[in-house]
Amino acid sequence: MIRIQSTIDRNGVIRLLKADGHAGNQLAGQNPVCAGATVLLRTTAKWLEKEKDLEVSGENIFRGSFVL
C-alpha cells in the first residue's frame, strides 16, 4: 500500500507532502501503480520548484519514500 500524508496550513499552503510504501505484489521497479505514483509526485515537485515565490525542499530517505 502507498501511504500519502499531506499537511496544509490555515492559508491553504502545503507544508508537507510525504509518500511511502509499495503497491501490489510485483517487485520494486516493476510495478505500474508505483511508477505512476512516483511520476505524479516527482512532477509535482519539479513544477513547484519552478515557482519563483515558493521555497521547495525534499528528500528521498529510502527507496519507496518521498518527502516534499
N, C-alpha and C. Protein backbone atom coordinates (compact mmCIF):
# COMPACT_ATOMS: atom_id res chain seq x y z
N MET A 1 0.83 -1.16 0.00
CA MET A 1 0.00 0.00 0.00
C MET A 1 0.89 1.25 0.00
N ILE A 2 0.51 2.21 -0.79
CA ILE A 2 1.19 3.50 -0.81
C ILE A 2 0.42 4.42 0.14
N ARG A 3 1.11 4.99 1.09
CA ARG A 3 0.52 5.91 2.06
C ARG A 3 0.97 7.33 1.72
N ILE A 4 0.01 8.24 1.65
CA ILE A 4 0.33 9.64 1.36
C ILE A 4 -0.20 10.51 2.49
N GLN A 5 0.66 11.38 2.99
CA GLN A 5 0.30 12.31 4.06
C GLN A 5 0.56 13.71 3.57
N SER A 6 -0.39 14.59 3.82
CA SER A 6 -0.18 15.99 3.47
C SER A 6 -0.56 16.86 4.66
N THR A 7 0.14 17.96 4.80
CA THR A 7 -0.18 18.95 5.83
C THR A 7 -0.36 20.28 5.11
N ILE A 8 -1.53 20.87 5.32
CA ILE A 8 -1.87 22.15 4.69
C ILE A 8 -2.21 23.13 5.80
N ASP A 9 -1.59 24.31 5.78
CA ASP A 9 -1.84 25.27 6.86
C ASP A 9 -3.17 26.00 6.65
N ARG A 10 -3.49 26.89 7.56
CA ARG A 10 -4.77 27.62 7.52
C ARG A 10 -4.94 28.48 6.28
N ASN A 11 -3.82 28.85 5.67
CA ASN A 11 -3.86 29.68 4.46
C ASN A 11 -3.93 28.85 3.19
N GLY A 12 -4.00 27.53 3.33
CA GLY A 12 -4.07 26.66 2.16
C GLY A 12 -2.71 26.34 1.56
N VAL A 13 -1.64 26.61 2.31
CA VAL A 13 -0.28 26.36 1.83
C VAL A 13 0.14 24.94 2.21
N ILE A 14 0.65 24.21 1.24
CA ILE A 14 1.15 22.86 1.51
C ILE A 14 2.44 22.98 2.30
N ARG A 15 2.48 22.39 3.46
CA ARG A 15 3.68 22.41 4.30
C ARG A 15 4.42 21.08 4.25
N LEU A 16 3.71 20.00 3.93
CA LEU A 16 4.34 18.68 3.86
C LEU A 16 3.57 17.82 2.88
N LEU A 17 4.29 17.10 2.06
CA LEU A 17 3.73 16.07 1.20
C LEU A 17 4.67 14.89 1.32
N LYS A 18 4.16 13.80 1.86
CA LYS A 18 5.01 12.65 2.14
C LYS A 18 4.32 11.39 1.61
N ALA A 19 5.10 10.54 0.97
CA ALA A 19 4.57 9.27 0.48
C ALA A 19 5.57 8.16 0.78
N ASP A 20 5.05 7.00 1.13
CA ASP A 20 5.92 5.84 1.29
C ASP A 20 5.12 4.57 1.10
N GLY A 21 5.84 3.50 0.83
CA GLY A 21 5.19 2.21 0.66
C GLY A 21 5.38 1.66 -0.73
N HIS A 22 4.66 0.58 -1.00
CA HIS A 22 4.73 -0.12 -2.28
C HIS A 22 3.35 -0.69 -2.58
N ALA A 23 2.92 -0.62 -3.81
CA ALA A 23 1.60 -1.11 -4.20
C ALA A 23 1.71 -2.46 -4.91
N GLY A 24 0.87 -3.37 -4.54
CA GLY A 24 0.77 -4.64 -5.26
C GLY A 24 1.82 -5.66 -4.89
N ASN A 25 1.86 -6.71 -5.72
CA ASN A 25 2.73 -7.86 -5.44
C ASN A 25 4.02 -7.86 -6.25
N GLN A 26 4.11 -7.01 -7.26
CA GLN A 26 5.31 -7.02 -8.10
C GLN A 26 6.52 -6.50 -7.34
N LEU A 27 7.67 -6.86 -7.85
CA LEU A 27 8.92 -6.39 -7.28
C LEU A 27 9.07 -4.89 -7.48
N ALA A 28 9.81 -4.27 -6.59
CA ALA A 28 10.10 -2.85 -6.74
C ALA A 28 10.77 -2.60 -8.09
N GLY A 29 10.31 -1.58 -8.78
CA GLY A 29 10.84 -1.27 -10.10
C GLY A 29 10.06 -1.90 -11.23
N GLN A 30 9.08 -2.75 -10.91
CA GLN A 30 8.30 -3.44 -11.94
C GLN A 30 6.80 -3.25 -11.77
N ASN A 31 6.40 -2.25 -11.01
CA ASN A 31 5.00 -2.06 -10.68
C ASN A 31 4.47 -0.78 -11.32
N PRO A 32 3.48 -0.88 -12.21
CA PRO A 32 2.96 0.32 -12.86
C PRO A 32 2.25 1.28 -11.91
N VAL A 33 1.65 0.78 -10.84
CA VAL A 33 0.99 1.67 -9.88
C VAL A 33 2.02 2.52 -9.16
N CYS A 34 3.10 1.88 -8.70
CA CYS A 34 4.17 2.62 -8.03
C CYS A 34 4.84 3.60 -9.00
N ALA A 35 5.03 3.17 -10.22
CA ALA A 35 5.64 4.05 -11.23
C ALA A 35 4.76 5.28 -11.45
N GLY A 36 3.45 5.08 -11.53
CA GLY A 36 2.53 6.19 -11.72
C GLY A 36 2.56 7.16 -10.55
N ALA A 37 2.56 6.62 -9.33
CA ALA A 37 2.63 7.47 -8.14
C ALA A 37 3.93 8.26 -8.12
N THR A 38 5.03 7.60 -8.47
CA THR A 38 6.33 8.26 -8.49
C THR A 38 6.36 9.40 -9.50
N VAL A 39 5.82 9.15 -10.69
CA VAL A 39 5.80 10.18 -11.74
C VAL A 39 4.98 11.38 -11.28
N LEU A 40 3.82 11.13 -10.69
CA LEU A 40 2.98 12.24 -10.24
C LEU A 40 3.66 13.05 -9.13
N LEU A 41 4.27 12.38 -8.17
CA LEU A 41 4.92 13.08 -7.07
C LEU A 41 6.15 13.87 -7.54
N ARG A 42 6.97 13.24 -8.38
CA ARG A 42 8.17 13.95 -8.86
C ARG A 42 7.81 15.10 -9.79
N THR A 43 6.78 14.92 -10.61
CA THR A 43 6.34 16.00 -11.49
C THR A 43 5.81 17.17 -10.67
N THR A 44 5.06 16.87 -9.61
CA THR A 44 4.57 17.92 -8.72
C THR A 44 5.73 18.68 -8.10
N ALA A 45 6.74 17.96 -7.63
CA ALA A 45 7.91 18.60 -7.02
C ALA A 45 8.62 19.51 -8.03
N LYS A 46 8.84 19.03 -9.24
CA LYS A 46 9.52 19.83 -10.27
C LYS A 46 8.70 21.05 -10.65
N TRP A 47 7.40 20.89 -10.74
CA TRP A 47 6.52 22.00 -11.08
C TRP A 47 6.56 23.06 -9.99
N LEU A 48 6.50 22.64 -8.73
CA LEU A 48 6.55 23.60 -7.62
C LEU A 48 7.90 24.30 -7.53
N GLU A 49 8.98 23.59 -7.85
CA GLU A 49 10.33 24.18 -7.83
C GLU A 49 10.45 25.37 -8.76
N LYS A 50 9.71 25.36 -9.85
CA LYS A 50 9.82 26.42 -10.85
C LYS A 50 9.10 27.71 -10.43
N GLU A 51 8.26 27.62 -9.42
CA GLU A 51 7.54 28.80 -8.96
C GLU A 51 8.50 29.70 -8.18
N LYS A 52 8.63 30.94 -8.61
CA LYS A 52 9.61 31.86 -8.02
C LYS A 52 9.30 32.24 -6.58
N ASP A 53 8.04 32.27 -6.21
CA ASP A 53 7.65 32.70 -4.87
C ASP A 53 7.58 31.55 -3.86
N LEU A 54 7.97 30.36 -4.26
CA LEU A 54 7.89 29.20 -3.37
C LEU A 54 9.28 28.72 -2.97
N GLU A 55 9.38 28.26 -1.75
CA GLU A 55 10.59 27.59 -1.29
C GLU A 55 10.26 26.11 -1.20
N VAL A 56 10.99 25.29 -1.96
CA VAL A 56 10.71 23.86 -2.02
C VAL A 56 11.94 23.08 -1.61
N SER A 57 11.75 22.12 -0.74
CA SER A 57 12.84 21.21 -0.40
C SER A 57 12.25 19.82 -0.20
N GLY A 58 13.09 18.82 -0.41
CA GLY A 58 12.62 17.46 -0.25
C GLY A 58 13.76 16.47 -0.24
N GLU A 59 13.41 15.21 0.01
CA GLU A 59 14.42 14.17 0.02
C GLU A 59 13.78 12.81 -0.21
N ASN A 60 14.63 11.90 -0.58
CA ASN A 60 14.25 10.51 -0.75
C ASN A 60 15.08 9.73 0.27
N ILE A 61 14.50 9.48 1.43
CA ILE A 61 15.23 8.88 2.53
C ILE A 61 15.63 7.43 2.21
N PHE A 62 14.71 6.69 1.61
CA PHE A 62 14.98 5.31 1.21
C PHE A 62 14.08 4.98 0.03
N ARG A 63 14.40 3.92 -0.67
CA ARG A 63 13.59 3.51 -1.83
C ARG A 63 12.14 3.32 -1.38
N GLY A 64 11.24 3.90 -2.11
CA GLY A 64 9.83 3.81 -1.77
C GLY A 64 9.35 4.95 -0.89
N SER A 65 10.20 5.97 -0.71
CA SER A 65 9.78 7.12 0.10
C SER A 65 9.97 8.42 -0.68
N PHE A 66 9.20 9.42 -0.29
CA PHE A 66 9.25 10.73 -0.94
C PHE A 66 8.79 11.74 0.10
N VAL A 67 9.57 12.76 0.34
CA VAL A 67 9.19 13.81 1.29
C VAL A 67 9.41 15.15 0.60
N LEU A 68 8.39 15.99 0.58
CA LEU A 68 8.48 17.31 -0.03
C LEU A 68 8.00 18.32 0.98
